[in-house]
Amino acid sequence: MGKTPTTGIRLSRPEIWLDEHGDALYRYARFRLNDAALAEDLVQETLLAALQAQGSFAGRSTERTWLIGILKNKLIDHLRKTCREITVDTGSDEDLDALFDNASRDHWRSPPSVWDNPPAALEQKQFWAVLSDCLSALPARQAQVFTLCEMEGLDGSEACKVLGVTTTNVWVLLHRARLRLRECLENHWFNHGKGA
């Protein structure tokens, strides 16, 4: 808990971590898991792990960043465990047939909508609520792949290790997740004038 010579950043008292960072940690987990009880459990596990590892805090980041890093690892461990219990369902080609106009799938039936100002939409709380709903509507495996690759920043090979599937399955699942999320966001956000 001492001061680091290079940055001077030190940890606060562990008994105030929940008050200071609990909401941010919960939002981080809740958005990625869409399960309130599980998010609470992971926050508790994170705080316990941080308490045990406080001596290893090097002061190279803020306290919140350090705690979110621990939570991210807990989240990945959880996904790794649950992914082993879920069978791989890459879906059917009917999903793609509904989006494209021919067997070669080189033309959209209905091209993607123009999203007026995506960066502004990302800053709106309502957008994040709609995205969370869209993520929860995905099949579990697709949501997990999307979360790992697009939200946690894992590359394909890392996602393969976490999920215990082949590279091909990861890319198929990610592709299908993106297509479904695009359709869901267009139906529930961008085409309703909220993303403008």
C-alpha atoms as a PDB file:
ATOM      1  CA  MET A   1       0.000   0.000   0.000  1.00  0.00           C
ATOM      2  CA  GLY A   2       3.033   2.200  -0.207  1.00  0.00           C
ATOM      3  CA  LYS A   3       3.731   4.929  -2.673  1.00  0.00           C
ATOM      4  CA  THR A   4       5.320   3.875  -5.955  1.00  0.00           C
ATOM      5  CA  PRO A   5       8.438   5.817  -6.857  1.00  0.00           C
ATOM      6  CA  THR A   6       7.429   6.528 -10.475  1.00  0.00           C
ATOM      7  CA  THR A   7       3.791   7.618 -10.262  1.00  0.00           C
ATOM      8  CA  GLY A   8       2.833   8.267  -6.660  1.00  0.00           C
ATOM      9  CA  ILE A   9      -0.544   6.529  -7.166  1.00  0.00           C
ATOM     10  CA  ARG A  10      -1.633   4.568  -4.138  1.00  0.00           C
ATOM     11  CA  LEU A  11      -4.680   2.528  -3.284  1.00  0.00           C
ATOM     12  CA  SER A  12      -7.380   3.861  -1.045  1.00  0.00           C
ATOM     13  CA  ARG A  13      -8.645   1.843   1.908  1.00  0.00           C
ATOM     14  CA  PRO A  14     -10.356  -1.378   0.743  1.00  0.00           C
ATOM     15  CA  GLU A  15     -13.412  -0.657   2.894  1.00  0.00           C
ATOM     16  CA  ILE A  16     -14.348   2.262   0.614  1.00  0.00           C
ATOM     17  CA  TRP A  17     -13.823   0.476  -2.730  1.00  0.00           C
ATOM     18  CA  LEU A  18     -17.456  -0.575  -2.968  1.00  0.00           C
ATOM     19  CA  ASP A  19     -18.697   2.967  -2.328  1.00  0.00           C
ATOM     20  CA  GLU A  20     -16.158   4.527  -4.683  1.00  0.00           C
ATOM     21  CA  HIS A  21     -16.177   2.030  -7.553  1.00  0.00           C
ATOM     22  CA  GLY A  22     -19.065  -0.388  -7.016  1.00  0.00           C
ATOM     23  CA  ASP A  23     -21.483   1.308  -9.419  1.00  0.00           C
ATOM     24  CA  ALA A  24     -18.905   1.500 -12.225  1.00  0.00           C
ATOM     25  CA  LEU A  25     -17.886  -2.123 -11.723  1.00  0.00           C
ATOM     26  CA  TYR A  26     -21.520  -3.249 -11.657  1.00  0.00           C
ATOM     27  CA  ARG A  27     -22.384  -1.323 -14.858  1.00  0.00           C
ATOM     28  CA  TYR A  28     -19.342  -2.827 -16.589  1.00  0.00           C
ATOM     29  CA  ALA A  29     -20.352  -6.388 -15.663  1.00  0.00           C
ATOM     30  CA  ARG A  30     -24.101  -5.896 -16.108  1.00  0.00           C
ATOM     31  CA  PHE A  31     -23.754  -4.559 -19.630  1.00  0.00           C
ATOM     32  CA  ARG A  32     -21.538  -7.416 -20.711  1.00  0.00           C
ATOM     33  CA  LEU A  33     -23.535 -10.184 -19.045  1.00  0.00           C
ATOM     34  CA  ASN A  34     -27.097  -8.848 -19.027  1.00  0.00           C
ATOM     35  CA  ASP A  35     -27.625 -10.682 -15.744  1.00  0.00           C
ATOM     36  CA  ALA A  36     -27.979  -8.535 -12.622  1.00  0.00           C
ATOM     37  CA  ALA A  37     -27.316 -11.273 -10.057  1.00  0.00           C
ATOM     38  CA  LEU A  38     -24.271 -12.575 -11.906  1.00  0.00           C
ATOM     39  CA  ALA A  39     -22.932  -9.034 -12.302  1.00  0.00           C
ATOM     40  CA  GLU A  40     -23.240  -8.516  -8.539  1.00  0.00           C
ATOM     41  CA  ASP A  41     -21.454 -11.811  -7.883  1.00  0.00           C
ATOM     42  CA  LEU A  42     -18.584 -10.894 -10.196  1.00  0.00           C
ATOM     43  CA  VAL A  43     -18.214  -7.480  -8.544  1.00  0.00           C
ATOM     44  CA  GLN A  44     -17.972  -9.197  -5.158  1.00  0.00           C
ATOM     45  CA  GLU A  45     -15.404 -11.662  -6.510  1.00  0.00           C
ATOM     46  CA  THR A  46     -13.470  -8.736  -7.996  1.00  0.00           C
ATOM     47  CA  LEU A  47     -13.349  -6.862  -4.703  1.00  0.00           C
ATOM     48  CA  LEU A  48     -12.237  -9.998  -2.852  1.00  0.00           C
ATOM     49  CA  ALA A  49      -9.528 -10.673  -5.427  1.00  0.00           C
ATOM     50  CA  ALA A  50      -8.393  -7.034  -5.212  1.00  0.00           C
ATOM     51  CA  LEU A  51      -8.223  -7.260  -1.442  1.00  0.00           C
ATOM     52  CA  GLN A  52      -5.986 -10.326  -1.742  1.00  0.00           C
ATOM     53  CA  ALA A  53      -3.851  -8.737  -4.483  1.00  0.00           C
ATOM     54  CA  GLN A  54      -3.548  -5.191  -3.132  1.00  0.00           C
ATOM     55  CA  GLY A  55       0.132  -5.745  -2.434  1.00  0.00           C
ATOM     56  CA  SER A  56       0.724  -6.282  -6.147  1.00  0.00           C
ATOM     57  CA  PHE A  57      -0.767  -2.911  -7.152  1.00  0.00           C
ATOM     58  CA  ALA A  58       2.087  -1.226  -8.994  1.00  0.00           C
ATOM     59  CA  GLY A  59       0.546   2.234  -9.287  1.00  0.00           C
ATOM     60  CA  ARG A  60       0.751   2.303 -13.077  1.00  0.00           C
ATOM     61  CA  SER A  61      -3.002   2.894 -13.405  1.00  0.00           C
ATOM     62  CA  THR A  62      -5.800   4.409 -11.435  1.00  0.00           C
ATOM     63  CA  GLU A  63      -7.458   2.350  -8.748  1.00  0.00           C
ATOM     64  CA  ARG A  64     -10.660   2.032 -10.821  1.00  0.00           C
ATOM     65  CA  THR A  65      -8.748   0.900 -13.909  1.00  0.00           C
ATOM     66  CA  TRP A  66      -6.973  -1.722 -11.807  1.00  0.00           C
ATOM     67  CA  LEU A  67     -10.293  -2.972 -10.390  1.00  0.00           C
ATOM     68  CA  ILE A  68     -11.907  -3.079 -13.843  1.00  0.00           C
ATOM     69  CA  GLY A  69      -8.914  -5.089 -15.080  1.00  0.00           C
ATOM     70  CA  ILE A  70      -9.524  -7.629 -12.331  1.00  0.00           C
ATOM     71  CA  LEU A  71     -13.247  -7.667 -13.189  1.00  0.00           C
ATOM     72  CA  LYS A  72     -12.448  -8.183 -16.874  1.00  0.00           C
ATOM     73  CA  ASN A  73     -10.411 -11.266 -15.979  1.00  0.00           C
ATOM     74  CA  LYS A  74     -13.253 -12.558 -13.780  1.00  0.00           C
ATOM     75  CA  LEU A  75     -15.664 -12.006 -16.663  1.00  0.00           C
ATOM     76  CA  ILE A  76     -13.454 -13.874 -19.117  1.00  0.00           C
ATOM     77  CA  ASP A  77     -13.019 -16.729 -16.621  1.00  0.00           C
ATOM     78  CA  HIS A  78     -16.804 -16.906 -16.239  1.00  0.00           C
ATOM     79  CA  LEU A  79     -17.339 -16.959 -20.011  1.00  0.00           C
ATOM     80  CA  ARG A  80     -14.632 -19.599 -20.399  1.00  0.00           C
ATOM     81  CA  LYS A  81     -16.376 -21.803 -17.828  1.00  0.00           C
ATOM     82  CA  THR A  82     -19.894 -21.340 -19.204  1.00  0.00           C
ATOM     83  CA  CYS A  83     -18.776 -21.713 -22.806  1.00  0.00           C
ATOM     84  CA  ARG A  84     -17.551 -25.216 -22.082  1.00  0.00           C
ATOM     85  CA  GLU A  85     -21.052 -26.061 -20.914  1.00  0.00           C
ATOM     86  CA  ILE A  86     -22.810 -24.668 -24.001  1.00  0.00           C
ATOM     87  CA  THR A  87     -22.892 -26.600 -27.242  1.00  0.00           C
ATOM     88  CA  VAL A  88     -21.816 -24.723 -30.333  1.00  0.00           C
ATOM     89  CA  ASP A  89     -24.756 -23.579 -32.417  1.00  0.00           C
ATOM     90  CA  THR A  90     -23.608 -21.557 -35.368  1.00  0.00           C
ATOM     91  CA  GLY A  91     -27.185 -21.206 -36.604  1.00  0.00           C
ATOM     92  CA  SER A  92     -28.502 -22.000 -40.004  1.00  0.00           C
ATOM     93  CA  ASP A  93     -27.987 -20.501 -43.409  1.00  0.00           C
ATOM     94  CA  GLU A  94     -31.613 -19.359 -43.276  1.00  0.00           C
ATOM     95  CA  ASP A  95     -30.382 -16.407 -41.218  1.00  0.00           C
ATOM     96  CA  LEU A  96     -28.208 -15.322 -44.114  1.00  0.00           C
ATOM     97  CA  ASP A  97     -30.835 -16.139 -46.753  1.00  0.00           C
ATOM     98  CA  ALA A  98     -33.161 -13.602 -45.155  1.00  0.00           C
ATOM     99  CA  LEU A  99     -30.545 -10.855 -45.572  1.00  0.00           C
ATOM    100  CA  PHE A 100     -29.264 -11.542 -49.087  1.00  0.00           C
ATOM    101  CA  ASP A 101     -31.116 -11.824 -52.398  1.00  0.00           C
ATOM    102  CA  ASN A 102     -29.442 -14.814 -54.025  1.00  0.00           C
ATOM    103  CA  ALA A 103     -27.587 -18.013 -53.360  1.00  0.00           C
ATOM    104  CA  SER A 104     -24.165 -16.395 -53.780  1.00  0.00           C
ATOM    105  CA  ARG A 105     -25.121 -13.838 -51.130  1.00  0.00           C
ATOM    106  CA  ASP A 106     -23.420 -10.946 -52.864  1.00  0.00           C
ATOM    107  CA  HIS A 107     -26.339  -8.444 -52.732  1.00  0.00           C
ATOM    108  CA  TRP A 108     -28.338  -7.261 -49.730  1.00  0.00           C
ATOM    109  CA  ARG A 109     -32.127  -7.739 -49.876  1.00  0.00           C
ATOM    110  CA  SER A 110     -32.302  -4.481 -47.969  1.00  0.00           C
ATOM    111  CA  PRO A 111     -29.065  -2.531 -47.591  1.00  0.00           C
ATOM    112  CA  PRO A 112     -28.050  -1.341 -44.132  1.00  0.00           C
ATOM    113  CA  SER A 113     -29.645   1.933 -43.086  1.00  0.00           C
ATOM    114  CA  VAL A 114     -27.624   5.099 -43.031  1.00  0.00           C
ATOM    115  CA  TRP A 115     -26.828   5.953 -39.442  1.00  0.00           C
ATOM    116  CA  ASP A 116     -26.714   9.724 -39.254  1.00  0.00           C
ATOM    117  CA  ASN A 117     -24.283  10.196 -36.382  1.00  0.00           C
ATOM    118  CA  PRO A 118     -22.998   6.964 -34.807  1.00  0.00           C
ATOM    119  CA  PRO A 119     -20.497   8.666 -32.449  1.00  0.00           C
ATOM    120  CA  ALA A 120     -23.260  10.838 -30.951  1.00  0.00           C
ATOM    121  CA  ALA A 121     -25.521   7.799 -30.574  1.00  0.00           C
ATOM    122  CA  LEU A 122     -22.829   5.968 -28.616  1.00  0.00           C
ATOM    123  CA  GLU A 123     -22.858   8.699 -25.994  1.00  0.00           C
ATOM    124  CA  GLN A 124     -26.583   8.375 -25.342  1.00  0.00           C
ATOM    125  CA  LYS A 125     -27.655   6.225 -22.401  1.00  0.00           C
ATOM    126  CA  GLN A 126     -30.750   5.079 -24.268  1.00  0.00           C
ATOM    127  CA  PHE A 127     -28.578   3.674 -27.044  1.00  0.00           C
ATOM    128  CA  TRP A 128     -26.664   1.548 -24.553  1.00  0.00           C
ATOM    129  CA  ALA A 129     -29.926   0.245 -23.111  1.00  0.00           C
ATOM    130  CA  VAL A 130     -31.128  -0.753 -26.595  1.00  0.00           C
ATOM    131  CA  LEU A 131     -27.761  -2.363 -27.384  1.00  0.00           C
ATOM    132  CA  SER A 132     -27.948  -4.305 -24.119  1.00  0.00           C
ATOM    133  CA  ASP A 133     -31.440  -5.539 -25.041  1.00  0.00           C
ATOM    134  CA  CYS A 134     -30.207  -6.513 -28.500  1.00  0.00           C
ATOM    135  CA  LEU A 135     -27.250  -8.400 -27.011  1.00  0.00           C
ATOM    136  CA  SER A 136     -29.552 -10.267 -24.643  1.00  0.00           C
ATOM    137  CA  ALA A 137     -31.703 -11.344 -27.591  1.00  0.00           C
ATOM    138  CA  LEU A 138     -28.730 -13.062 -29.254  1.00  0.00           C
ATOM    139  CA  PRO A 139     -28.146 -16.777 -28.776  1.00  0.00           C
ATOM    140  CA  ALA A 140     -25.823 -17.184 -25.788  1.00  0.00           C
ATOM    141  CA  ARG A 141     -22.765 -18.270 -27.757  1.00  0.00           C
ATOM    142  CA  GLN A 142     -23.069 -15.394 -30.242  1.00  0.00           C
ATOM    143  CA  ALA A 143     -23.393 -12.895 -27.399  1.00  0.00           C
ATOM    144  CA  GLN A 144     -20.314 -14.356 -25.714  1.00  0.00           C
ATOM    145  CA  VAL A 145     -18.216 -14.175 -28.883  1.00  0.00           C
ATOM    146  CA  PHE A 146     -19.328 -10.601 -29.541  1.00  0.00           C
ATOM    147  CA  THR A 147     -18.567  -9.579 -25.960  1.00  0.00           C
ATOM    148  CA  LEU A 148     -15.109 -11.150 -26.005  1.00  0.00           C
ATOM    149  CA  CYS A 149     -14.049  -9.868 -29.431  1.00  0.00           C
ATOM    150  CA  GLU A 150     -15.764  -6.509 -29.738  1.00  0.00           C
ATOM    151  CA  MET A 151     -16.122  -5.328 -26.155  1.00  0.00           C
ATOM    152  CA  GLU A 152     -13.181  -6.950 -24.386  1.00  0.00           C
ATOM    153  CA  GLY A 153     -10.833  -6.649 -27.363  1.00  0.00           C
ATOM    154  CA  LEU A 154      -9.709 -10.261 -27.580  1.00  0.00           C
ATOM    155  CA  ASP A 155      -8.433 -11.353 -30.962  1.00  0.00           C
ATOM    156  CA  GLY A 156      -9.779 -14.450 -32.714  1.00  0.00           C
ATOM    157  CA  SER A 157      -7.166 -16.849 -31.366  1.00  0.00           C
ATOM    158  CA  GLU A 158      -7.666 -15.646 -27.793  1.00  0.00           C
ATOM    159  CA  ALA A 159     -11.440 -15.999 -28.165  1.00  0.00           C
ATOM    160  CA  CYS A 160     -10.904 -19.551 -29.479  1.00  0.00           C
ATOM    161  CA  LYS A 161      -8.980 -20.436 -26.324  1.00  0.00           C
ATOM    162  CA  VAL A 162     -11.600 -18.927 -24.029  1.00  0.00           C
ATOM    163  CA  LEU A 163     -14.510 -20.552 -25.846  1.00  0.00           C
ATOM    164  CA  GLY A 164     -12.815 -23.823 -26.692  1.00  0.00           C
ATOM    165  CA  VAL A 165     -13.900 -23.683 -30.339  1.00  0.00           C
ATOM    166  CA  THR A 166     -12.189 -23.453 -33.703  1.00  0.00           C
ATOM    167  CA  THR A 167     -11.281 -20.206 -35.402  1.00  0.00           C
ATOM    168  CA  THR A 168     -13.912 -20.855 -38.041  1.00  0.00           C
ATOM    169  CA  ASN A 169     -16.626 -21.178 -35.395  1.00  0.00           C
ATOM    170  CA  VAL A 170     -15.542 -17.927 -33.735  1.00  0.00           C
ATOM    171  CA  TRP A 171     -15.716 -15.995 -37.013  1.00  0.00           C
ATOM    172  CA  VAL A 172     -19.050 -17.541 -38.000  1.00  0.00           C
ATOM    173  CA  LEU A 173     -20.536 -16.764 -34.588  1.00  0.00           C
ATOM    174  CA  LEU A 174     -19.136 -13.230 -34.630  1.00  0.00           C
ATOM    175  CA  HIS A 175     -20.455 -12.628 -38.158  1.00  0.00           C
ATOM    176  CA  ARG A 176     -23.928 -13.823 -37.211  1.00  0.00           C
ATOM    177  CA  ALA A 177     -23.894 -11.759 -34.010  1.00  0.00           C
ATOM    178  CA  ARG A 178     -22.970  -8.637 -35.958  1.00  0.00           C
ATOM    179  CA  LEU A 179     -25.734  -9.247 -38.496  1.00  0.00           C
ATOM    180  CA  ARG A 180     -28.347  -9.769 -35.804  1.00  0.00           C
ATOM    181  CA  LEU A 181     -27.169  -6.767 -33.815  1.00  0.00           C
ATOM    182  CA  ARG A 182     -27.242  -4.600 -36.923  1.00  0.00           C
ATOM    183  CA  GLU A 183     -30.812  -5.662 -37.645  1.00  0.00           C
ATOM    184  CA  CYS A 184     -31.893  -5.200 -34.023  1.00  0.00           C
ATOM    185  CA  LEU A 185     -30.303  -1.751 -33.746  1.00  0.00           C
ATOM    186  CA  GLU A 186     -31.875  -0.654 -37.010  1.00  0.00           C
ATOM    187  CA  ASN A 187     -35.303  -1.854 -35.851  1.00  0.00           C
ATOM    188  CA  HIS A 188     -35.132  -0.511 -32.318  1.00  0.00           C
ATOM    189  CA  TRP A 189     -32.882   2.520 -32.513  1.00  0.00           C
ATOM    190  CA  PHE A 190     -31.673   3.994 -35.790  1.00  0.00           C
ATOM    191  CA  ASN A 191     -34.914   3.670 -37.762  1.00  0.00           C
ATOM    192  CA  HIS A 192     -36.915   5.219 -34.935  1.00  0.00           C
ATOM    193  CA  GLY A 193     -35.215   8.591 -35.176  1.00  0.00           C
ATOM    194  CA  LYS A 194     -33.377   8.161 -31.852  1.00  0.00           C
ATOM    195  CA  GLY A 195     -29.913   7.864 -33.331  1.00  0.00           C
ATOM    196  CA  ALA A 196     -30.179  11.081 -35.287  1.00  0.00           C
END
